[in-house]
Protein backbone atom coordinates (compact mmCIF):
# COMPACT_ATOMS: atom_id res chain seq x y z
CA MET A 1 101.35 60.04 50.23
CA LYS A 2 103.65 57.57 49.54
CA SER A 3 105.11 56.18 52.89
CA LEU A 4 101.42 54.92 53.72
CA VAL A 5 99.28 54.37 50.63
CA GLY A 6 99.21 50.80 49.48
CA PHE A 7 101.55 49.84 52.08
CA ALA A 8 99.09 47.56 54.06
CA LEU A 9 98.92 43.70 54.31
CA LEU A 10 101.78 43.30 52.32
CA LEU A 11 103.04 39.99 53.98
CA VAL A 12 100.04 39.03 56.02
CA ALA A 13 100.03 35.65 54.92
CA ALA A 14 103.52 34.90 55.22
CA ALA A 15 105.06 36.53 57.96
CA SER A 16 105.37 35.26 61.37
CA ALA A 17 102.85 35.87 63.83
CA SER A 18 105.24 37.54 66.01
CA ALA A 19 106.83 40.00 64.02
CA GLN A 20 109.05 42.76 65.81
CA VAL A 21 108.00 46.60 65.25
CA SER A 22 111.07 47.93 63.20
CA SER A 23 111.84 51.49 63.64
CA HIS A 24 111.31 51.70 59.86
CA ALA A 25 108.06 52.71 58.27
CA PRO A 26 107.30 50.65 55.30
CA THR A 27 106.78 52.53 52.07
CA GLY A 28 104.21 51.80 49.51
CA ALA A 29 103.89 48.26 49.58
CA THR A 30 101.29 45.79 47.65
CA LYS A 31 98.39 43.78 49.19
CA ALA A 32 99.02 39.93 48.35
CA ALA A 33 96.13 38.10 48.94
CA THR A 34 97.88 35.08 48.61
CA PRO A 35 101.27 33.59 50.12
CA PRO A 36 104.17 34.62 48.33
CA THR A 37 106.63 31.88 47.37
CA SER A 38 109.73 31.16 49.13
CA ALA A 39 111.50 34.00 47.32
CA LEU A 40 109.43 36.35 49.28
CA GLN A 41 109.86 34.67 52.60
CA ILE A 42 111.03 37.18 55.59
CA GLY A 43 112.57 36.35 59.07
CA ASP A 44 113.07 39.71 60.51
CA ARG A 45 116.61 39.34 59.65
CA PRO A 46 118.88 42.85 60.12
CA VAL A 47 119.68 44.13 56.74
CA ALA A 48 121.31 47.37 57.74
CA ARG A 49 121.77 49.80 60.67
CA VAL A 50 121.59 53.44 60.70
CA ASN A 51 123.04 55.03 63.49
CA GLY A 52 121.91 51.97 65.49
CA ALA A 53 118.37 51.77 64.14
CA VAL A 54 117.92 48.59 62.50
CA LEU A 55 116.25 47.66 59.49
CA THR A 56 114.98 44.29 58.70
CA ASP A 57 114.72 42.13 55.64
CA ARG A 58 110.90 42.72 56.26
CA ASP A 59 111.16 46.30 55.55
CA LEU A 60 113.50 45.61 52.27
CA LEU A 61 110.97 43.35 51.13
CA ARG A 62 108.27 46.03 51.37
CA GLU A 63 110.33 48.41 49.60
CA MET A 64 111.25 45.94 46.70
CA MET A 65 107.38 45.32 46.28
CA GLN A 66 106.66 48.93 45.81
CA ILE A 67 109.54 48.73 43.05
CA PHE A 68 108.20 45.68 41.50
CA PRO A 69 104.24 45.36 43.01
CA TYR A 70 103.58 42.27 40.62
CA ALA A 71 106.03 39.86 42.80
CA GLY A 72 103.19 38.50 44.77
CA GLN A 73 101.47 37.56 41.46
CA HIS A 74 104.63 36.08 39.81
CA GLY A 75 105.80 34.17 42.71
CA GLY A 76 108.84 36.59 43.12
CA PHE A 77 111.16 39.02 41.30
CA PRO A 78 112.43 38.50 37.82
CA LYS A 79 115.74 36.78 38.30
CA GLU A 80 117.68 39.40 35.71
CA GLN A 81 116.11 42.36 37.73
CA GLU A 82 116.15 41.02 41.35
CA ALA A 83 119.92 42.32 42.46
CA SER A 84 119.30 45.79 41.35
CA ILE A 85 115.85 45.81 43.20
CA ARG A 86 117.31 44.83 45.84
CA GLN A 87 119.86 47.41 46.04
CA GLY A 88 117.49 50.29 44.83
CA ALA A 89 115.21 49.19 47.64
CA LEU A 90 118.13 48.69 50.36
CA GLN A 91 119.32 52.31 49.53
CA MET A 92 115.59 53.57 49.66
CA ILE A 93 115.03 52.37 53.15
CA ILE A 94 118.35 53.52 54.48
CA PHE A 95 117.63 56.65 53.41
CA GLU A 96 113.80 57.14 54.91
CA GLU A 97 115.42 56.12 57.82
CA LEU A 98 118.04 58.93 57.83
CA VAL A 99 115.25 61.26 56.79
CA PHE A 100 113.12 60.43 60.06
CA GLN A 101 116.09 60.78 62.01
CA ASP A 102 116.69 64.10 60.66
CA ALA A 103 113.10 64.85 61.36
CA VAL A 104 113.94 63.65 65.07
CA ARG A 105 116.63 65.91 65.51
CA ARG A 106 114.95 68.90 64.18
CA LYS A 107 112.34 68.11 66.99
CA LEU A 108 109.49 68.42 63.99
CA THR A 109 105.91 67.48 65.04
CA VAL A 110 102.67 66.32 63.60
CA ALA A 111 99.46 67.62 64.70
CA PRO A 112 97.19 64.69 66.55
CA LEU A 113 94.33 65.67 64.21
CA GLU A 114 96.64 65.18 60.97
CA ILE A 115 97.74 61.74 62.31
CA LYS A 116 94.32 60.75 63.16
CA LYS A 117 93.05 61.78 59.61
CA ALA A 118 96.34 59.67 57.95
CA GLU A 119 95.48 56.77 60.33
CA THR A 120 91.72 56.72 59.36
CA GLU A 121 92.73 56.73 55.59
CA PHE A 122 95.00 53.90 56.32
CA LYS A 123 92.76 51.60 57.59
CA LYS A 124 90.15 52.31 54.53
CA GLN A 125 92.86 50.24 52.53
CA PHE A 126 91.80 47.19 54.08
CA GLY A 127 89.15 45.02 52.32
CA SER A 128 87.20 44.39 55.67
CA PRO A 129 87.67 44.98 59.38
CA GLU A 130 88.82 41.20 59.52
CA GLU A 131 91.92 42.12 57.18
CA TYR A 132 93.03 44.91 59.35
CA ARG A 133 92.64 42.66 62.37
CA GLN A 134 95.08 39.96 60.54
CA TYR A 135 97.19 42.91 59.47
CA LEU A 136 97.43 44.51 63.19
CA LYS A 137 98.29 40.68 64.58
CA VAL A 138 101.16 39.73 62.09
CA GLU A 139 102.49 43.19 61.22
CA MET A 140 102.06 45.09 64.51
CA GLY A 141 102.24 42.58 66.86
CA GLY A 142 98.60 42.99 67.97
CA SER A 143 99.10 46.86 68.71
CA GLU A 144 97.21 49.84 67.63
CA GLN A 145 99.95 52.20 69.30
CA ALA A 146 102.80 50.60 66.64
CA VAL A 147 100.19 51.54 63.96
CA ARG A 148 99.95 55.19 65.15
CA GLU A 149 104.00 55.39 65.47
CA LYS A 150 104.49 54.06 61.77
CA VAL A 151 101.80 56.71 60.45
CA THR A 152 103.31 59.30 62.68
CA ARG A 153 106.70 58.39 61.35
CA SER A 154 105.50 58.24 57.65
CA LEU A 155 104.28 62.14 58.22
CA LEU A 156 107.17 62.88 59.67
CA ILE A 157 109.44 61.65 56.65
CA GLU A 158 107.17 63.57 54.22
CA GLN A 159 107.15 66.77 56.27
CA VAL A 160 111.08 66.97 55.48
CA LEU A 161 110.71 65.70 51.84
CA LYS A 162 108.02 68.34 51.12
CA SER A 163 110.07 71.02 52.79
CA ASP A 164 113.50 70.26 51.75
CA VAL A 165 112.84 68.78 48.13
CA GLN A 166 109.33 69.18 47.04
CA ASN A 167 109.04 72.96 47.57
CA ARG A 168 112.51 73.65 46.55
CA SER A 169 111.87 71.68 43.31
CA ALA A 170 109.26 74.07 41.94
CA MET A 171 109.74 75.82 38.37
CA THR A 172 107.82 78.71 37.77
CA LEU A 173 107.29 79.63 33.77
CA ALA A 174 110.23 82.28 34.02
CA ASP A 175 112.54 79.60 35.27
CA VAL A 176 111.49 77.13 32.34
CA ARG A 177 111.49 80.01 29.95
CA VAL A 178 115.01 80.66 30.95
CA TYR A 179 115.73 76.98 29.91
CA TYR A 180 114.13 77.40 27.08
CA ASP A 181 116.06 80.07 25.76
CA LYS A 182 119.42 79.04 26.68
CA ASN A 183 119.20 75.51 24.85
CA PRO A 184 117.54 76.66 21.56
CA ALA A 185 118.75 73.62 19.71
CA ARG A 186 116.75 70.67 21.77
CA PHE A 187 114.07 72.37 20.16
CA GLN A 188 114.63 72.48 16.77
CA VAL A 189 112.45 69.79 14.91
CA PRO A 190 113.47 68.44 11.47
CA GLU A 191 111.26 68.20 8.39
CA SER A 192 108.91 65.03 8.75
CA TYR A 193 106.31 63.70 7.21
CA THR A 194 103.48 61.15 8.73
CA PHE A 195 101.82 58.84 6.21
CA GLN A 196 100.38 55.70 5.20
CA SER A 197 101.41 53.13 2.48
CA ILE A 198 100.12 50.33 0.62
CA SER A 199 103.18 48.07 -1.01
CA ILE A 200 103.22 45.52 -3.62
CA LEU A 201 106.67 43.19 -2.91
CA PRO A 202 108.49 41.07 -5.30
CA PRO A 203 109.63 37.61 -4.52
CA GLN A 204 113.57 37.47 -4.50
CA HIS A 205 115.31 37.30 -7.84
CA PRO A 206 112.20 37.80 -9.69
CA SER A 207 111.66 36.96 -13.10
CA GLU A 208 110.68 39.19 -16.22
CA ALA A 209 107.01 37.37 -15.94
CA GLN A 210 107.17 38.03 -12.01
CA LYS A 211 108.42 41.68 -12.53
CA ALA A 212 105.31 42.34 -15.08
CA GLU A 213 102.72 40.58 -12.69
CA GLY A 214 104.12 42.73 -9.93
CA LEU A 215 103.33 45.89 -11.60
CA LYS A 216 99.83 44.46 -12.74
CA ARG A 217 98.90 43.95 -9.05
CA ALA A 218 100.56 47.23 -8.11
CA SER A 219 98.45 48.97 -10.63
CA GLU A 220 95.37 47.54 -9.76
CA ALA A 221 96.38 48.56 -5.88
CA TRP A 222 96.66 52.06 -7.25
CA LYS A 223 93.51 52.17 -8.46
CA GLN A 224 91.82 51.06 -5.47
CA ALA A 225 93.80 53.35 -3.44
CA GLN A 226 92.81 56.72 -5.40
CA THR A 227 88.76 55.84 -4.74
CA THR A 228 89.55 56.29 -1.15
CA LYS A 229 88.67 59.69 0.51
CA THR A 230 89.80 59.25 4.22
CA ALA A 231 92.76 57.89 6.16
CA GLU A 232 90.39 55.22 7.23
CA GLU A 233 89.50 53.94 3.94
CA PHE A 234 92.99 54.00 3.04
CA GLY A 235 94.10 51.97 6.10
CA LEU A 236 91.53 49.39 5.42
CA LEU A 237 92.59 48.85 1.88
CA ALA A 238 96.12 48.43 3.16
CA GLU A 239 95.38 46.07 5.83
CA LYS A 240 93.41 44.05 2.94
CA ILE A 241 96.04 44.26 0.17
CA SER A 242 99.37 45.87 1.59
CA GLU A 243 102.50 43.36 1.50
CA ASP A 244 104.46 45.12 3.71
CA ASP A 245 104.75 44.91 7.59
CA PHE A 246 102.76 48.55 7.88
CA ARG A 247 99.46 46.78 6.97
CA VAL A 248 98.84 45.62 10.50
CA ASN A 249 98.56 49.12 11.44
CA MET A 250 96.52 50.25 8.67
CA GLY A 251 99.52 51.11 6.67
CA GLU A 252 100.49 54.07 9.39
CA HIS A 253 104.09 54.82 9.38
CA LYS A 254 103.86 57.69 12.22
CA THR A 255 105.83 60.32 11.54
CA VAL A 256 109.28 60.08 9.73
CA GLU A 257 111.84 62.35 9.32
CA LYS A 258 112.79 63.52 5.57
CA ASP A 259 116.21 62.40 5.54
CA GLN A 260 115.28 58.86 6.61
CA LEU A 261 113.14 58.66 3.76
CA PRO A 262 113.84 57.16 0.22
CA PRO A 263 114.30 59.83 -2.56
CA GLN A 264 111.53 58.52 -4.50
CA VAL A 265 109.07 59.16 -1.52
CA VAL A 266 110.44 62.65 -0.90
CA LYS A 267 110.47 63.70 -4.50
CA ALA A 268 106.35 62.59 -4.46
CA PHE A 269 105.63 64.22 -0.94
CA ALA A 270 107.14 67.83 -2.87
CA THR A 271 103.91 67.75 -4.66
CA MET A 272 101.28 66.54 -2.41
CA ASN A 273 98.98 68.35 0.23
CA ALA A 274 98.19 66.33 3.26
CA GLY A 275 95.17 64.12 2.29
CA GLN A 276 96.76 63.17 -0.87
CA VAL A 277 97.21 59.93 -2.33
CA SER A 278 100.31 59.53 -4.48
CA GLY A 279 100.95 57.96 -7.75
CA LEU A 280 102.73 54.62 -8.31
CA ILE A 281 106.32 54.70 -6.60
CA GLN A 282 109.09 52.11 -7.57
CA ILE A 283 111.62 51.87 -5.51
CA GLU A 284 113.61 48.65 -7.03
CA GLN A 285 111.44 45.74 -7.45
CA ALA A 286 108.94 46.81 -5.20
CA TYR A 287 105.99 49.45 -5.79
CA THR A 288 104.61 51.99 -3.11
CA ILE A 289 101.44 54.05 -2.78
CA ILE A 290 101.32 56.54 -0.02
CA ARG A 291 98.95 59.00 1.48
CA LEU A 292 100.12 61.85 3.12
CA ASN A 293 98.28 62.56 6.52
CA ALA A 294 100.66 65.81 7.72
CA HIS A 295 103.91 67.33 6.83
CA THR A 296 105.76 69.27 9.42
CA THR A 297 108.51 71.83 8.03
CA ALA A 298 111.54 72.19 9.94
CA GLY A 299 111.85 74.68 12.63
CA LYS A 300 112.07 75.34 16.27
CA LYS A 301 108.87 74.43 18.40
CA SER A 302 107.65 77.71 20.28
CA PHE A 303 107.61 77.89 24.01
CA ALA A 304 103.53 77.39 24.22
CA GLU A 305 104.07 74.09 22.60
CA VAL A 306 106.61 72.61 25.12
CA GLN A 307 106.36 74.81 28.29
CA GLY A 308 104.17 71.91 30.17
CA GLU A 309 106.00 69.00 29.53
CA LEU A 310 109.28 70.97 29.78
CA ARG A 311 108.22 72.08 33.42
CA THR A 312 107.40 68.64 34.27
CA GLU A 313 110.86 67.42 33.38
CA LEU A 314 112.72 70.32 34.96
CA GLN A 315 110.78 69.83 38.32
CA LYS A 316 111.72 66.14 38.12
CA ASN A 317 115.29 67.01 37.75
CA LYS A 318 115.12 69.33 40.20
CA TYR A 319 113.85 67.07 42.54
CA GLU A 320 115.96 64.04 42.16
CA GLU A 321 119.02 66.62 42.73
CA LEU A 322 117.77 68.10 45.65
CA ARG A 323 117.20 64.21 47.31
CA ALA A 324 120.48 63.24 46.11
CA GLY A 325 121.61 66.26 47.82
CA LEU A 326 119.85 65.55 51.15
CA ASP A 327 121.13 61.99 50.84
CA LYS A 328 124.45 62.77 50.83
CA ARG A 329 124.00 65.58 53.27
CA LEU A 330 122.46 63.23 56.02
CA ARG A 331 124.81 60.37 55.29
CA ALA A 332 127.83 62.52 55.70
CA ASN A 333 127.95 62.05 59.53
CA ALA A 334 125.81 58.90 59.80
CA LYS A 335 127.02 55.63 60.49
CA VAL A 336 125.42 53.22 58.27
CA GLU A 337 126.22 49.51 58.19
CA VAL A 338 124.75 47.20 55.39
CA LEU A 339 124.44 43.57 57.16
């Protein structure tokens, strides 16, 4: 429940003792065990008015900390991100106020048992009864009824979002299949290789003697690489003797597309099976030994391979589209003032 989980005790230590109860229910804020710095101070100043309902800097800060929950530990928000965090938070609290007002207009209700259950879960977020009492005093003006109203408000917002956005954004496997069939190019995969390397690198402008020394060291490295039986053994050897940057990751290159590889390496791969170690490959004055771990041929990913992630992606996109549409519809006849 985004409107309730984690919102408790955001500014107990820093807030004024006589905080006014706003019409806006804070969303997903973070607990702050120590007083935030001045960058997070609040004064219950109005920041927006939505059809006459006032939203304050207290509401705004709660949402900013939902976006960047580490502000308490870091003494504020990153300077380069603070403006965008503030703008995003402002738009969110305005949106939620519009949704709440829409729920009221539609005469939506929440069952008393559901309110009681949500209120109980909310109170469990506090570390101790004393912590809750402090929150009640600072944030709610000592009023249990104010807590109940905020819980109810959050549940009403959630109810609208569930009916108008979440439920309508559900994608069936048939929907996902239609998208898959209509966008074949997206699921094409190029030929690629996953491999490890051991490289012996020359100095800049090597002399003939240095070239000979490099070849000698590379040949010794190749002999050692030939004795490895597993990717782990090859990787441990790479960590020990390789001179390229991949040595810190056991020589692992992850997956690289064929057209991004040097032709000498592609030529070597053409004669190798997974698990095999190449001969000594010279690329200019450097020498490389590669272990092929996997070869993926060019083709199209099957529907079974992509359906899970694709369904999640399409549902998320549909959710955001419907949410934006709801926001636009609610704003069309609303009076929203940013103060």
